[in-house]
Amino acid sequence: MKKLVTTFFLLIPILLCAQSNKYEKIISELSAQYKISSLTFSKEAFALLTYFDIQLKDEMKALIDDIETLKIVTPSENYGTEYVNTVCSIFSDSNLREVDVSRYVTKANQCNVFVDNNLLSINEVHIIVNGTIVSFFGKFKHSDIRKLIKSADKVNAN
């Protein structure tokens, strides 16, 4: 039993690194085909929200606490639907599951959502809104997806 627990704790950093490497591979493949810009925000950056006394609803505070990293990738040029189709294809090929979001999203925005295949919790949520990729890393519940989509839509609107 002790050996099993030790093995489990040794595998956690490897699995976390593999997730990050998978995302980096996706972005690398995308940047080989298109000009893109990216931003990364760490958990510490979200602490600035409280520093600047930004008022958040309690449900958003709880969600922000679950976010470890936020990454935003946007195309430098308008590539149209070809770009979005390529992005979705790359995410599909990387063993991420696409989520049906038709009940969450208005028809005005083209939105695709990909999550990791973990059944217990979600560690990665990648939302593609009108070509902008907003990726959330952390520990999320399935019920958080709707809130994350709304957040990604606000990021894309700005």
C-alpha atoms as a PDB file:
ATOM      1  CA  MET A   1       0.000   0.000   0.000  1.00  0.00           C
ATOM      2  CA  LYS A   2       2.802   2.392   0.893  1.00  0.00           C
ATOM      3  CA  LYS A   3       4.451   1.671  -2.453  1.00  0.00           C
ATOM      4  CA  LEU A   4       1.197   2.421  -4.276  1.00  0.00           C
ATOM      5  CA  VAL A   5       0.757   5.774  -2.499  1.00  0.00           C
ATOM      6  CA  THR A   6       4.392   6.726  -3.186  1.00  0.00           C
ATOM      7  CA  THR A   7       3.993   5.848  -6.863  1.00  0.00           C
ATOM      8  CA  PHE A   8       0.814   7.931  -7.054  1.00  0.00           C
ATOM      9  CA  PHE A   9       2.520  11.019  -5.616  1.00  0.00           C
ATOM     10  CA  LEU A  10       5.450  10.599  -7.979  1.00  0.00           C
ATOM     11  CA  LEU A  11       3.125  10.436 -10.972  1.00  0.00           C
ATOM     12  CA  ILE A  12       1.238  13.659 -10.181  1.00  0.00           C
ATOM     13  CA  PRO A  13       4.023  16.056 -11.326  1.00  0.00           C
ATOM     14  CA  ILE A  14       4.617  13.948 -14.427  1.00  0.00           C
ATOM     15  CA  LEU A  15       0.926  14.081 -15.356  1.00  0.00           C
ATOM     16  CA  LEU A  16       0.738  17.837 -14.736  1.00  0.00           C
ATOM     17  CA  CYS A  17       3.811  18.364 -16.902  1.00  0.00           C
ATOM     18  CA  ALA A  18       2.304  16.165 -19.618  1.00  0.00           C
ATOM     19  CA  GLN A  19      -0.832  18.332 -19.668  1.00  0.00           C
ATOM     20  CA  SER A  20       1.236  21.477 -20.057  1.00  0.00           C
ATOM     21  CA  ASN A  21       3.370  19.846 -22.734  1.00  0.00           C
ATOM     22  CA  LYS A  22       0.224  18.763 -24.610  1.00  0.00           C
ATOM     23  CA  TYR A  23      -1.042  22.356 -24.655  1.00  0.00           C
ATOM     24  CA  GLU A  24       2.355  23.708 -25.706  1.00  0.00           C
ATOM     25  CA  LYS A  25       2.451  21.161 -28.538  1.00  0.00           C
ATOM     26  CA  ILE A  26      -0.993  22.323 -29.717  1.00  0.00           C
ATOM     27  CA  ILE A  27       0.083  25.978 -29.699  1.00  0.00           C
ATOM     28  CA  SER A  28       3.371  25.127 -31.398  1.00  0.00           C
ATOM     29  CA  GLU A  29       1.519  23.304 -34.169  1.00  0.00           C
ATOM     30  CA  LEU A  30      -0.855  26.236 -34.545  1.00  0.00           C
ATOM     31  CA  SER A  31       1.933  28.841 -34.631  1.00  0.00           C
ATOM     32  CA  ALA A  32       3.690  26.903 -37.378  1.00  0.00           C
ATOM     33  CA  GLN A  33       0.680  27.558 -39.619  1.00  0.00           C
ATOM     34  CA  TYR A  34      -0.579  30.968 -38.461  1.00  0.00           C
ATOM     35  CA  LYS A  35       0.649  34.187 -36.896  1.00  0.00           C
ATOM     36  CA  ILE A  36      -0.670  34.184 -33.334  1.00  0.00           C
ATOM     37  CA  SER A  37      -0.203  36.176 -30.136  1.00  0.00           C
ATOM     38  CA  SER A  38      -0.507  34.713 -26.660  1.00  0.00           C
ATOM     39  CA  LEU A  39      -0.818  35.865 -23.065  1.00  0.00           C
ATOM     40  CA  THR A  40      -0.485  33.846 -19.877  1.00  0.00           C
ATOM     41  CA  PHE A  41      -1.844  34.810 -16.470  1.00  0.00           C
ATOM     42  CA  SER A  42      -0.850  32.917 -13.334  1.00  0.00           C
ATOM     43  CA  LYS A  43      -2.918  32.412 -10.216  1.00  0.00           C
ATOM     44  CA  GLU A  44      -0.968  35.262  -8.619  1.00  0.00           C
ATOM     45  CA  ALA A  45      -2.220  37.651 -11.312  1.00  0.00           C
ATOM     46  CA  PHE A  46      -5.783  36.974 -10.185  1.00  0.00           C
ATOM     47  CA  ALA A  47      -4.791  38.107  -6.697  1.00  0.00           C
ATOM     48  CA  LEU A  48      -4.478  41.599  -8.191  1.00  0.00           C
ATOM     49  CA  LEU A  49      -8.254  41.667  -8.536  1.00  0.00           C
ATOM     50  CA  THR A  50      -8.553  41.836  -4.764  1.00  0.00           C
ATOM     51  CA  TYR A  51      -5.668  44.308  -4.576  1.00  0.00           C
ATOM     52  CA  PHE A  52      -7.519  46.711  -6.862  1.00  0.00           C
ATOM     53  CA  ASP A  53     -10.730  46.018  -4.946  1.00  0.00           C
ATOM     54  CA  ILE A  54     -12.605  44.783  -8.009  1.00  0.00           C
ATOM     55  CA  GLN A  55     -16.067  43.639  -6.920  1.00  0.00           C
ATOM     56  CA  LEU A  56     -16.875  40.092  -7.991  1.00  0.00           C
ATOM     57  CA  LYS A  57     -19.924  37.955  -7.372  1.00  0.00           C
ATOM     58  CA  ASP A  58     -19.345  35.114  -4.903  1.00  0.00           C
ATOM     59  CA  GLU A  59     -19.704  32.472  -7.633  1.00  0.00           C
ATOM     60  CA  MET A  60     -17.002  34.196  -9.692  1.00  0.00           C
ATOM     61  CA  LYS A  61     -14.712  34.453  -6.654  1.00  0.00           C
ATOM     62  CA  ALA A  62     -15.030  30.704  -6.140  1.00  0.00           C
ATOM     63  CA  LEU A  63     -14.346  30.044  -9.811  1.00  0.00           C
ATOM     64  CA  ILE A  64     -11.289  32.317  -9.842  1.00  0.00           C
ATOM     65  CA  ASP A  65      -9.931  30.433  -6.829  1.00  0.00           C
ATOM     66  CA  ASP A  66     -10.054  27.248  -8.949  1.00  0.00           C
ATOM     67  CA  ILE A  67      -8.059  28.749 -11.850  1.00  0.00           C
ATOM     68  CA  GLU A  68      -4.330  27.995 -11.724  1.00  0.00           C
ATOM     69  CA  THR A  69      -3.466  29.488 -15.120  1.00  0.00           C
ATOM     70  CA  LEU A  70      -5.302  31.374 -17.849  1.00  0.00           C
ATOM     71  CA  LYS A  71      -3.863  31.405 -21.367  1.00  0.00           C
ATOM     72  CA  ILE A  72      -5.221  33.450 -24.247  1.00  0.00           C
ATOM     73  CA  VAL A  73      -4.194  32.890 -27.866  1.00  0.00           C
ATOM     74  CA  THR A  74      -5.491  35.089 -30.636  1.00  0.00           C
ATOM     75  CA  PRO A  75      -4.694  35.184 -34.345  1.00  0.00           C
ATOM     76  CA  SER A  76      -2.720  38.226 -35.485  1.00  0.00           C
ATOM     77  CA  GLU A  77      -4.763  38.337 -38.678  1.00  0.00           C
ATOM     78  CA  ASN A  78      -8.351  37.460 -39.560  1.00  0.00           C
ATOM     79  CA  TYR A  79      -8.067  33.979 -41.059  1.00  0.00           C
ATOM     80  CA  GLY A  80     -11.820  33.274 -41.000  1.00  0.00           C
ATOM     81  CA  THR A  81     -13.388  29.864 -40.627  1.00  0.00           C
ATOM     82  CA  GLU A  82     -10.310  28.033 -41.969  1.00  0.00           C
ATOM     83  CA  TYR A  83      -8.405  29.040 -38.826  1.00  0.00           C
ATOM     84  CA  VAL A  84     -11.205  28.009 -36.457  1.00  0.00           C
ATOM     85  CA  ASN A  85     -11.579  24.663 -38.243  1.00  0.00           C
ATOM     86  CA  THR A  86      -7.827  24.061 -37.959  1.00  0.00           C
ATOM     87  CA  VAL A  87      -7.851  24.946 -34.249  1.00  0.00           C
ATOM     88  CA  CYS A  88     -10.769  22.591 -33.574  1.00  0.00           C
ATOM     89  CA  SER A  89      -9.095  19.829 -35.554  1.00  0.00           C
ATOM     90  CA  ILE A  90      -5.828  20.204 -33.597  1.00  0.00           C
ATOM     91  CA  PHE A  91      -7.685  20.139 -30.268  1.00  0.00           C
ATOM     92  CA  SER A  92      -9.730  17.082 -31.345  1.00  0.00           C
ATOM     93  CA  ASP A  93      -6.587  15.234 -32.422  1.00  0.00           C
ATOM     94  CA  SER A  94      -4.964  15.886 -29.037  1.00  0.00           C
ATOM     95  CA  ASN A  95      -7.382  13.624 -27.128  1.00  0.00           C
ATOM     96  CA  LEU A  96      -9.540  16.438 -25.770  1.00  0.00           C
ATOM     97  CA  ARG A  97     -13.314  16.012 -25.714  1.00  0.00           C
ATOM     98  CA  GLU A  98     -15.541  18.582 -27.399  1.00  0.00           C
ATOM     99  CA  VAL A  99     -18.486  19.734 -25.281  1.00  0.00           C
ATOM    100  CA  ASP A 100     -21.882  20.564 -26.767  1.00  0.00           C
ATOM    101  CA  VAL A 101     -22.423  24.201 -25.775  1.00  0.00           C
ATOM    102  CA  SER A 102     -25.501  24.982 -27.840  1.00  0.00           C
ATOM    103  CA  ARG A 103     -27.579  25.675 -24.721  1.00  0.00           C
ATOM    104  CA  TYR A 104     -24.975  28.122 -23.315  1.00  0.00           C
ATOM    105  CA  VAL A 105     -24.073  30.227 -26.339  1.00  0.00           C
ATOM    106  CA  THR A 106     -25.926  32.676 -28.525  1.00  0.00           C
ATOM    107  CA  LYS A 107     -25.807  32.165 -32.275  1.00  0.00           C
ATOM    108  CA  ALA A 108     -23.884  35.444 -32.667  1.00  0.00           C
ATOM    109  CA  ASN A 109     -20.653  33.848 -31.481  1.00  0.00           C
ATOM    110  CA  GLN A 110     -19.022  30.783 -32.885  1.00  0.00           C
ATOM    111  CA  CYS A 111     -17.944  28.869 -29.792  1.00  0.00           C
ATOM    112  CA  ASN A 112     -16.254  25.503 -29.386  1.00  0.00           C
ATOM    113  CA  VAL A 113     -15.260  24.031 -26.033  1.00  0.00           C
ATOM    114  CA  PHE A 114     -12.751  21.250 -25.422  1.00  0.00           C
ATOM    115  CA  VAL A 115     -12.026  19.646 -22.050  1.00  0.00           C
ATOM    116  CA  ASP A 116      -9.678  16.935 -20.862  1.00  0.00           C
ATOM    117  CA  ASN A 117     -11.126  13.438 -20.583  1.00  0.00           C
ATOM    118  CA  ASN A 118     -10.966  13.138 -16.805  1.00  0.00           C
ATOM    119  CA  LEU A 119     -14.340  11.868 -15.558  1.00  0.00           C
ATOM    120  CA  LEU A 120     -14.025  13.061 -11.948  1.00  0.00           C
ATOM    121  CA  SER A 121     -13.018  16.661 -12.515  1.00  0.00           C
ATOM    122  CA  ILE A 122     -11.935  18.886 -15.350  1.00  0.00           C
ATOM    123  CA  ASN A 123      -8.355  20.155 -15.336  1.00  0.00           C
ATOM    124  CA  GLU A 124      -8.357  21.930 -18.702  1.00  0.00           C
ATOM    125  CA  VAL A 125     -11.078  23.921 -20.443  1.00  0.00           C
ATOM    126  CA  HIS A 126     -10.246  25.365 -23.863  1.00  0.00           C
ATOM    127  CA  ILE A 127     -12.834  27.740 -25.304  1.00  0.00           C
ATOM    128  CA  ILE A 128     -12.579  28.973 -28.865  1.00  0.00           C
ATOM    129  CA  VAL A 129     -14.744  32.080 -29.384  1.00  0.00           C
ATOM    130  CA  ASN A 130     -14.589  33.701 -32.822  1.00  0.00           C
ATOM    131  CA  GLY A 131     -11.021  32.442 -33.282  1.00  0.00           C
ATOM    132  CA  THR A 132      -9.670  33.447 -29.858  1.00  0.00           C
ATOM    133  CA  ILE A 133      -8.586  30.523 -27.678  1.00  0.00           C
ATOM    134  CA  VAL A 134      -9.134  31.055 -23.958  1.00  0.00           C
ATOM    135  CA  SER A 135      -7.674  28.169 -21.943  1.00  0.00           C
ATOM    136  CA  PHE A 136      -8.344  27.664 -18.250  1.00  0.00           C
ATOM    137  CA  PHE A 137      -6.179  25.288 -16.204  1.00  0.00           C
ATOM    138  CA  GLY A 138      -7.151  24.241 -12.675  1.00  0.00           C
ATOM    139  CA  LYS A 139      -9.720  22.029 -10.945  1.00  0.00           C
ATOM    140  CA  PHE A 140     -13.222  22.602 -12.282  1.00  0.00           C
ATOM    141  CA  LYS A 141     -16.612  20.957 -11.978  1.00  0.00           C
ATOM    142  CA  HIS A 142     -18.722  20.214 -15.008  1.00  0.00           C
ATOM    143  CA  SER A 143     -21.139  22.921 -13.841  1.00  0.00           C
ATOM    144  CA  ASP A 144     -18.330  25.524 -14.141  1.00  0.00           C
ATOM    145  CA  ILE A 145     -18.208  25.246 -17.943  1.00  0.00           C
ATOM    146  CA  ARG A 146     -21.084  27.705 -18.457  1.00  0.00           C
ATOM    147  CA  LYS A 147     -19.382  30.322 -16.248  1.00  0.00           C
ATOM    148  CA  LEU A 148     -16.068  29.827 -18.050  1.00  0.00           C
ATOM    149  CA  ILE A 149     -17.767  30.282 -21.437  1.00  0.00           C
ATOM    150  CA  LYS A 150     -19.249  33.594 -20.251  1.00  0.00           C
ATOM    151  CA  SER A 151     -15.787  34.689 -19.034  1.00  0.00           C
ATOM    152  CA  ALA A 152     -14.175  33.721 -22.347  1.00  0.00           C
ATOM    153  CA  ASP A 153     -16.856  35.574 -24.265  1.00  0.00           C
ATOM    154  CA  LYS A 154     -16.086  38.750 -22.242  1.00  0.00           C
ATOM    155  CA  VAL A 155     -12.347  38.337 -22.943  1.00  0.00           C
ATOM    156  CA  ASN A 156     -13.075  38.025 -26.652  1.00  0.00           C
ATOM    157  CA  ALA A 157     -15.372  41.074 -26.643  1.00  0.00           C
ATOM    158  CA  ASN A 158     -12.569  43.343 -25.345  1.00  0.00           C
END
